[in-house]
Protein backbone atom coordinates (compact mmCIF):
# COMPACT_ATOMS: atom_id res chain seq x y z
CA MET A 1 -152.00 205.49 262.21
CA CYS A 2 -155.40 204.14 263.18
CA SER A 3 -154.69 200.43 263.15
CA ALA A 4 -150.93 200.41 262.67
CA THR A 5 -148.04 202.82 262.89
CA SER A 6 -145.78 203.55 259.97
CA ARG A 7 -142.32 202.04 260.06
CA VAL A 8 -139.74 204.54 261.20
CA ILE A 9 -135.98 204.46 260.97
CA LEU A 10 -134.50 206.05 264.05
CA PRO A 11 -131.00 206.11 265.56
CA GLU A 12 -130.23 203.21 267.87
CA PRO A 13 -129.99 204.29 271.53
CA PRO A 14 -127.00 203.22 273.66
CA GLU A 15 -127.29 199.79 275.24
CA GLU A 16 -127.89 201.19 278.73
CA LEU A 17 -130.88 203.19 277.45
CA LYS A 18 -132.24 200.18 275.61
CA LEU A 19 -132.29 198.39 278.96
CA VAL A 20 -134.32 201.25 280.47
CA SER A 21 -136.81 201.12 277.60
CA ASP A 22 -137.03 197.30 277.73
CA LYS A 23 -137.73 197.40 281.46
CA LEU A 24 -140.55 199.92 280.99
CA ALA A 25 -141.97 197.90 278.08
CA ARG A 26 -142.06 194.79 280.26
CA ILE A 27 -144.01 196.64 282.95
CA ILE A 28 -146.56 197.90 280.41
CA ARG A 29 -146.86 194.45 278.80
CA ALA A 30 -147.42 192.86 282.20
CA LYS A 31 -150.30 195.25 282.85
CA ILE A 32 -151.86 194.40 279.47
CA GLU A 33 -151.41 190.66 279.96
CA LEU A 34 -153.03 190.92 283.38
CA ASN A 35 -155.96 193.20 282.52
CA GLY A 36 -156.29 193.03 278.75
CA ALA A 37 -155.83 195.87 276.25
CA ILE A 38 -155.52 199.32 277.84
CA GLY A 39 -156.62 202.76 276.69
CA PHE A 40 -153.95 204.86 275.04
CA SER A 41 -154.11 207.39 277.88
CA ASP A 42 -152.93 204.65 280.26
CA PHE A 43 -150.10 203.69 277.91
CA MET A 44 -149.09 207.35 277.48
CA GLU A 45 -149.14 207.93 281.25
CA MET A 46 -146.73 205.05 281.84
CA ALA A 47 -144.51 205.88 278.84
CA LEU A 48 -144.07 209.46 280.02
CA TYR A 49 -144.36 209.34 283.81
CA GLN A 50 -143.63 205.84 285.14
CA PRO A 51 -141.37 206.52 288.16
CA GLY A 52 -137.70 206.22 287.24
CA LEU A 53 -138.44 204.92 283.74
CA GLY A 54 -140.90 207.24 281.97
CA TYR A 55 -139.72 209.85 279.51
CA TYR A 56 -140.16 212.75 281.95
CA SER A 57 -139.21 210.73 285.03
CA ALA A 58 -135.89 209.20 284.00
CA GLY A 59 -132.68 211.27 283.99
CA LEU A 60 -132.40 211.69 280.21
CA HIS A 61 -131.30 214.78 278.31
CA LYS A 62 -134.39 216.00 276.46
CA PHE A 63 -133.98 219.67 275.64
CA GLY A 64 -131.90 221.61 273.13
CA GLU A 65 -129.95 220.70 270.05
CA THR A 66 -128.49 217.57 271.66
CA GLY A 67 -131.81 216.36 273.06
CA ASP A 68 -135.08 215.41 271.39
CA PHE A 69 -136.67 218.81 270.76
CA VAL A 70 -136.19 222.57 271.11
CA THR A 71 -138.74 224.77 272.89
CA ALA A 72 -139.17 228.51 272.33
CA PRO A 73 -137.23 229.58 275.49
CA LEU A 74 -134.21 227.56 274.33
CA LEU A 75 -133.85 229.57 271.12
CA GLY A 76 -132.75 232.63 273.09
CA ASP A 77 -134.23 235.21 275.45
CA LEU A 78 -136.62 237.04 273.09
CA PHE A 79 -139.52 234.76 274.03
CA ALA A 80 -139.02 235.49 277.74
CA ARG A 81 -138.55 239.24 277.08
CA CYS A 82 -141.94 239.41 275.39
CA LEU A 83 -143.65 237.22 277.96
CA ALA A 84 -142.26 239.46 280.70
CA LYS A 85 -144.11 242.43 279.15
CA GLN A 86 -147.42 240.58 279.51
CA VAL A 87 -146.60 239.51 283.06
CA GLU A 88 -145.74 243.12 283.96
CA GLN A 89 -149.10 244.35 282.71
CA VAL A 90 -150.96 241.89 284.94
CA ALA A 91 -148.62 242.58 287.86
CA ASN A 92 -149.32 246.32 287.63
CA GLU A 93 -152.99 245.56 288.35
CA LEU A 94 -152.11 243.79 291.61
CA ASP A 95 -150.63 245.06 294.85
CA GLN A 96 -148.42 241.99 295.01
CA TYR A 97 -148.19 238.90 292.88
CA GLU A 98 -146.42 235.64 292.30
CA ILE A 99 -145.77 233.39 289.34
CA LEU A 100 -146.73 229.72 289.22
CA GLU A 101 -145.21 227.76 286.35
CA ALA A 102 -146.45 224.30 285.45
CA GLY A 103 -143.77 222.06 284.01
CA ALA A 104 -140.76 224.39 283.86
CA GLY A 105 -138.59 222.20 281.61
CA ASN A 106 -134.93 222.95 282.24
CA GLY A 107 -135.74 226.24 284.00
CA VAL A 108 -134.45 228.59 281.29
CA LEU A 109 -137.78 230.40 280.83
CA ALA A 110 -138.15 230.98 284.57
CA ALA A 111 -134.56 232.22 284.90
CA ASP A 112 -134.89 234.63 281.97
CA LEU A 113 -138.25 235.93 283.20
CA LEU A 114 -136.81 236.67 286.62
CA LYS A 115 -133.87 238.52 285.03
CA PHE A 116 -136.20 240.78 283.04
CA LEU A 117 -138.77 241.30 285.81
CA GLU A 118 -136.42 242.01 288.70
CA HIS A 119 -135.68 245.56 287.46
CA SER A 120 -139.33 246.48 286.87
CA HIS A 121 -141.91 244.49 288.85
CA PRO A 122 -140.46 241.30 290.37
CA PRO A 123 -142.80 238.64 291.78
CA ASP A 124 -142.87 237.94 295.50
CA GLN A 125 -142.04 234.35 294.72
CA TYR A 126 -141.76 231.97 291.79
CA ARG A 127 -143.33 228.56 292.31
CA ILE A 128 -142.89 225.56 290.04
CA LEU A 129 -145.26 222.64 289.80
CA GLU A 130 -143.00 219.78 288.68
CA ARG A 131 -143.60 216.02 288.80
CA SER A 132 -140.10 214.97 287.77
CA ALA A 133 -137.39 214.82 290.44
CA TYR A 134 -134.79 214.79 287.66
CA LEU A 135 -136.14 217.99 286.07
CA ARG A 136 -136.30 219.68 289.48
CA GLN A 137 -132.57 219.10 289.82
CA VAL A 138 -131.92 220.44 286.31
CA GLN A 139 -133.97 223.55 287.13
CA LYS A 140 -132.06 224.12 290.37
CA GLU A 141 -128.78 223.94 288.47
CA THR A 142 -130.08 226.50 285.96
CA PHE A 143 -131.17 228.92 288.67
CA SER A 144 -127.93 228.52 290.61
CA ARG A 145 -126.03 229.45 287.46
CA VAL A 146 -128.25 232.23 286.07
CA VAL A 147 -130.15 233.80 288.99
CA PRO A 148 -128.53 232.50 292.21
CA HIS A 149 -129.84 235.48 294.20
CA TRP A 150 -133.41 234.26 293.55
CA MET A 151 -132.94 230.79 295.03
CA ASP A 152 -134.63 231.63 298.34
CA ARG A 153 -137.77 232.82 296.53
CA ILE A 154 -138.14 229.86 294.16
CA LYS A 155 -140.28 227.02 295.51
CA TRP A 156 -141.12 223.60 294.08
CA LEU A 157 -144.56 222.05 294.53
CA ASP A 158 -145.74 218.45 294.32
CA LYS A 159 -149.33 219.55 293.81
CA PRO A 160 -151.21 222.81 293.06
CA PRO A 161 -151.27 225.36 295.89
CA ASP A 162 -153.86 224.84 298.60
CA SER A 163 -154.08 228.45 299.76
CA ASP A 164 -155.36 231.36 297.68
CA TRP A 165 -152.86 233.34 295.65
CA GLN A 166 -152.86 235.98 292.92
CA GLY A 167 -150.64 236.57 289.94
CA VAL A 168 -149.73 234.77 286.73
CA MET A 169 -149.77 231.08 285.94
CA LEU A 170 -147.61 229.91 283.02
CA ALA A 171 -147.86 226.68 281.06
CA ASN A 172 -145.54 226.60 278.06
CA GLU A 173 -145.79 223.30 276.14
CA VAL A 174 -147.55 221.55 279.00
CA LEU A 175 -151.00 220.79 277.61
CA ASP A 176 -149.56 218.74 274.74
CA ALA A 177 -148.03 216.34 277.28
CA LEU A 178 -151.34 215.65 279.05
CA THR A 179 -152.51 212.14 278.29
CA VAL A 180 -155.13 211.64 275.60
CA ASP A 181 -157.40 208.83 274.50
CA ARG A 182 -157.63 207.81 270.86
CA PHE A 183 -160.77 206.91 268.96
CA CYS A 184 -161.78 205.82 265.49
CA ILE A 185 -165.10 206.26 263.65
CA THR A 186 -166.16 202.99 262.06
CA SER A 187 -169.25 201.48 260.45
CA GLU A 188 -169.94 199.97 263.89
CA GLY A 189 -169.82 203.35 265.58
CA ILE A 190 -167.17 205.05 267.69
CA ARG A 191 -164.42 202.68 268.78
CA GLN A 192 -161.59 203.26 271.23
CA LEU A 193 -158.07 202.71 269.93
CA GLN A 194 -156.51 200.60 272.66
CA VAL A 195 -153.03 199.20 273.13
CA GLY A 196 -152.52 195.43 273.08
CA VAL A 197 -149.59 193.05 272.72
CA ASP A 198 -148.76 190.72 269.85
CA SER A 199 -145.55 188.63 270.06
CA ASP A 200 -144.03 191.03 272.58
CA ARG A 201 -144.82 194.02 270.36
CA PHE A 202 -147.37 196.70 271.18
CA ARG A 203 -150.15 197.14 268.63
CA TRP A 204 -153.36 199.09 268.13
CA ILE A 205 -156.68 197.37 268.82
CA ASN A 206 -160.11 198.71 267.91
CA GLY A 207 -161.94 198.10 271.18
CA SER A 208 -165.30 199.03 272.61
CA CYS A 209 -165.47 202.67 273.62
CA PRO A 210 -166.16 203.57 277.26
CA THR A 211 -169.42 205.48 277.54
CA PRO A 212 -167.93 208.80 278.80
CA ILE A 213 -165.48 208.91 275.87
CA GLU A 214 -168.12 207.87 273.33
CA GLU A 215 -170.56 210.52 274.55
CA ARG A 216 -167.88 213.22 274.48
CA VAL A 217 -166.72 212.30 270.98
CA GLN A 218 -170.31 212.18 269.74
CA ALA A 219 -170.98 215.63 271.18
CA ILE A 220 -167.90 217.04 269.44
CA ILE A 221 -168.71 215.45 266.07
CA SER A 222 -172.35 216.52 266.12
CA GLY A 223 -171.25 220.12 266.68
CA LEU A 224 -168.99 220.24 263.63
CA GLU A 225 -170.18 221.80 260.39
CA ARG A 226 -168.20 219.18 258.46
CA PRO A 227 -168.18 216.00 260.58
CA PRO A 228 -165.55 213.37 259.73
CA GLY A 229 -166.59 210.03 258.27
CA HIS A 230 -165.74 206.35 258.63
CA GLY A 231 -162.06 205.54 259.02
CA TYR A 232 -161.33 208.83 260.78
CA CYS A 233 -159.13 208.59 263.90
CA SER A 234 -158.10 211.28 266.36
CA GLU A 235 -157.53 212.12 270.02
CA ILE A 236 -159.55 213.52 272.89
CA ASN A 237 -158.52 214.70 276.33
CA THR A 238 -161.34 213.78 278.70
CA ARG A 239 -159.38 214.87 281.78
CA LEU A 240 -158.75 218.49 280.80
CA SER A 241 -161.47 220.08 282.95
CA PRO A 242 -160.49 218.39 286.24
CA TRP A 243 -156.82 219.12 285.51
CA LEU A 244 -157.52 222.79 284.86
CA GLU A 245 -159.75 223.00 287.94
CA ALA A 246 -157.02 221.51 290.13
CA ILE A 247 -154.29 223.80 288.84
CA THR A 248 -156.27 227.08 288.92
CA ALA A 249 -158.72 226.61 291.81
CA SER A 250 -156.58 228.57 294.28
CA MET A 251 -155.82 231.45 291.86
CA ASN A 252 -158.33 233.97 293.16
CA LYS A 253 -157.11 236.82 290.96
CA GLY A 254 -154.86 236.74 287.93
CA VAL A 255 -154.23 235.28 284.50
CA ALA A 256 -153.24 231.80 283.37
CA LEU A 257 -151.30 231.77 280.08
CA PHE A 258 -151.19 228.60 277.98
CA ILE A 259 -148.78 228.40 275.04
CA ASP A 260 -148.79 225.26 272.93
CA TYR A 261 -149.17 223.84 269.47
CA GLY A 262 -152.80 223.31 268.63
CA TYR A 263 -155.94 224.38 266.79
CA PRO A 264 -159.50 225.54 267.40
CA ARG A 265 -161.90 222.59 267.23
CA THR A 266 -163.06 223.06 263.64
CA GLU A 267 -159.44 222.83 262.52
CA TYR A 268 -158.48 220.11 264.98
CA TYR A 269 -161.18 217.70 263.80
CA ARG A 270 -160.99 218.64 260.15
CA PRO A 271 -162.20 215.68 258.02
CA ASP A 272 -158.93 215.42 256.08
CA ARG A 273 -156.90 215.19 259.32
CA ARG A 274 -157.72 211.49 259.29
CA ASP A 275 -154.92 210.23 261.54
CA GLY A 276 -155.28 212.82 264.28
CA THR A 277 -152.48 214.92 265.73
CA LEU A 278 -150.42 212.45 267.75
CA ILE A 279 -146.70 213.17 267.34
CA CYS A 280 -143.55 211.63 268.79
CA HIS A 281 -140.04 213.06 269.02
CA TYR A 282 -136.77 211.21 269.31
CA ARG A 283 -133.46 213.01 268.77
CA HIS A 284 -135.09 215.77 266.72
CA ARG A 285 -136.90 213.31 264.51
CA ALA A 286 -140.68 213.54 264.44
CA HIS A 287 -142.56 210.30 263.84
CA ASP A 288 -145.95 208.68 264.54
CA ASP A 289 -144.99 205.49 266.38
CA PRO A 290 -145.59 205.87 270.15
CA PHE A 291 -144.53 202.25 270.68
CA HIS A 292 -140.97 202.84 269.48
CA TRP A 293 -138.51 202.89 272.39
CA PRO A 294 -141.06 203.64 275.17
CA GLY A 295 -139.53 205.83 277.83
CA LEU A 296 -136.98 207.25 275.37
CA THR A 297 -139.52 208.89 273.05
CA ASP A 298 -141.58 211.99 273.74
CA ILE A 299 -145.29 211.49 273.01
CA SER A 300 -147.67 214.39 272.61
CA ALA A 301 -150.83 215.53 270.85
CA PHE A 302 -151.88 218.92 269.57
CA VAL A 303 -154.20 220.92 271.82
CA ASP A 304 -157.90 221.45 271.11
CA PHE A 305 -158.10 225.07 272.26
CA THR A 306 -161.89 225.05 272.02
CA ALA A 307 -161.84 222.27 274.63
CA LEU A 308 -159.59 224.45 276.80
CA ALA A 309 -162.08 227.32 276.50
CA GLU A 310 -164.93 224.96 277.47
CA ALA A 311 -162.92 223.73 280.45
CA ALA A 312 -162.33 227.35 281.47
CA ASP A 313 -166.07 227.96 281.57
CA TYR A 314 -166.48 224.87 283.77
CA CYS A 315 -163.77 226.23 286.10
CA ASP A 316 -165.27 229.75 286.32
CA LEU A 317 -162.44 231.28 284.30
CA GLU A 318 -162.83 233.88 281.57
CA VAL A 319 -161.20 233.41 278.17
CA SER A 320 -159.40 236.76 278.06
CA GLY A 321 -157.59 236.26 274.77
CA TYR A 322 -156.61 233.78 272.07
CA THR A 323 -154.12 234.31 269.26
CA SER A 324 -151.12 232.89 267.45
CA GLN A 325 -147.68 232.94 269.06
CA ALA A 326 -146.41 235.30 266.35
CA MET A 327 -149.14 237.87 267.02
CA PHE A 328 -148.76 237.52 270.78
CA LEU A 329 -145.01 238.17 270.67
CA MET A 330 -145.39 241.13 268.31
CA ALA A 331 -148.07 242.65 270.54
CA CYS A 332 -145.72 242.25 273.51
CA GLY A 333 -143.01 244.33 271.89
CA LEU A 334 -141.05 242.00 269.62
CA ASP A 335 -141.30 244.49 266.75
CA LYS A 336 -139.51 247.16 268.82
CA MET A 337 -136.86 244.65 269.87
CA ILE A 338 -136.22 243.84 266.20
CA SER A 339 -135.66 247.53 265.42
CA ASN A 340 -132.85 247.58 267.98
CA PHE A 341 -130.95 244.73 266.32
CA GLN A 342 -129.14 247.15 263.99
CA SER A 343 -126.98 248.37 266.86
CA LEU A 344 -125.61 244.85 267.43
CA PRO A 345 -122.54 243.30 265.79
CA GLN A 346 -123.41 241.64 262.47
CA LYS A 347 -122.94 238.09 263.74
CA GLN A 348 -125.28 238.73 266.66
CA GLN A 349 -127.80 240.39 264.34
CA ILE A 350 -127.94 237.19 262.27
CA LEU A 351 -128.50 235.08 265.37
CA MET A 352 -131.26 237.36 266.63
CA HIS A 353 -133.06 237.46 263.27
CA ASN A 354 -132.87 233.67 263.08
CA GLN A 355 -134.45 233.48 266.53
CA VAL A 356 -137.27 235.79 265.41
CA ARG A 357 -137.83 233.68 262.30
CA ARG A 358 -138.21 230.47 264.28
CA LEU A 359 -140.52 232.11 266.82
CA THR A 360 -142.82 233.84 264.32
CA SER A 361 -142.64 232.12 260.92
CA PRO A 362 -145.84 230.26 259.91
CA THR A 363 -143.68 227.29 258.89
CA GLU A 364 -141.94 227.23 262.30
CA MET A 365 -143.59 228.15 265.64
CA GLY A 366 -145.44 231.32 264.65
CA GLU A 367 -148.79 229.82 263.61
CA ARG A 368 -148.61 226.24 264.88
CA PHE A 369 -148.24 227.57 268.42
CA GLN A 370 -151.23 229.32 269.95
CA VAL A 371 -151.62 231.41 273.11
CA MET A 372 -154.70 231.48 275.33
CA ALA A 373 -155.23 233.61 278.43
CA LEU A 374 -157.70 232.54 281.10
CA GLY A 375 -158.49 235.17 283.69
CA ARG A 376 -160.17 235.40 287.05
CA GLY A 377 -160.94 238.71 288.75
CA LEU A 378 -159.22 240.66 285.93
CA SER A 379 -161.17 241.35 282.75
CA GLU A 380 -161.83 243.90 280.07
CA GLU A 381 -164.82 245.04 282.11
CA SER A 382 -162.46 246.00 284.93
CA GLY A 383 -160.31 247.98 282.52
CA LEU A 384 -157.65 245.40 281.66
CA ALA A 385 -157.27 244.36 278.02
CA LEU A 386 -154.29 242.04 277.79
CA ARG A 387 -151.65 243.53 275.49
CA GLY A 388 -150.60 240.17 274.03
CA PHE A 389 -153.92 239.94 272.17
CA SER A 390 -154.19 243.55 271.02
CA LEU A 391 -153.04 242.88 267.43
CA ALA A 392 -155.18 239.83 266.73
CA ASP A 393 -157.73 238.28 269.07
CA LEU A 394 -159.03 235.03 267.58
CA ARG A 395 -161.62 234.12 270.19
CA TYR A 396 -164.26 234.19 267.48
CA ARG A 397 -162.67 231.05 265.97
CA LEU A 398 -163.31 229.02 269.11
């Protein structure tokens, strides 16, 4: 993947969607022709968020079996049931609280959480930080259908809150969609993998590496017990700390929960992971070509959870727990939920066990997805040990 992407065979999109993709490609090409090759983070930003044309900005169906990918909340309500147990524990430490969700997808997780929390410890309000006007509309339709009585307490934000608040911040599969830069280690040193144009086609270019990226990559490599060698390519998110600072600065007391696919740094930059972690999804097909149908293809990279922990320290947040999704869900009561399946009709039992398998199996979401809690004003020293990390706390791996 370093200098060229592998050829992929993907379904042809309808003609009207090809026009959308072609229009976006022309805009990106024009920027390259005007300014020269661009960093991959700039390409990724436009491919995902260009107004009206980017993957998350255009009105395209992305979620579920008929979209491009399936997230944990779309498998059923077990994920939300478990998450609600962790939210309740934090809420019980506060006189009042609210929930802030970053990137709420189609709104299913929020709707299910509100259903489970409203009979125990409901939030004062549920706020959603969402860039996409299209997804806001999808979320509103979900809430109107599932929890219409909550509509007056659900608010949408264009930017993180300005005033102080306390409660729980949620980010499920958000970090993987933050833009990343790509680099390659060569005999000439660290080079930036940039995006250029050749005969109207996007292509990788080994360009000079901007000093901030080079210094950050060098610091990461020098800290590894087994540093990668020449020909190794990967990703780095140099904007994680300012992003985390912006989104959590006004949370004066509470916990931010991040759930995403990723690794601790020693695993992320393993020498044999020579092509990095960049992954694209189109109609449930995973591939490695981010230049294929821009605007119609989801582009993401695995999360370096060590980098998230370092960003937390920069933002005066405490890493309160780190574990796999499987262990987090079990610690939040999934095992007890499984024991109750036997009272269900056989067909429903099969569906529920299949949901558990996909959420917890090492070959599905169980190990690839990790959970990290970042706290402020609530810590083990104050008597709160988060239940989601009681079975296995992997902070020592960071």
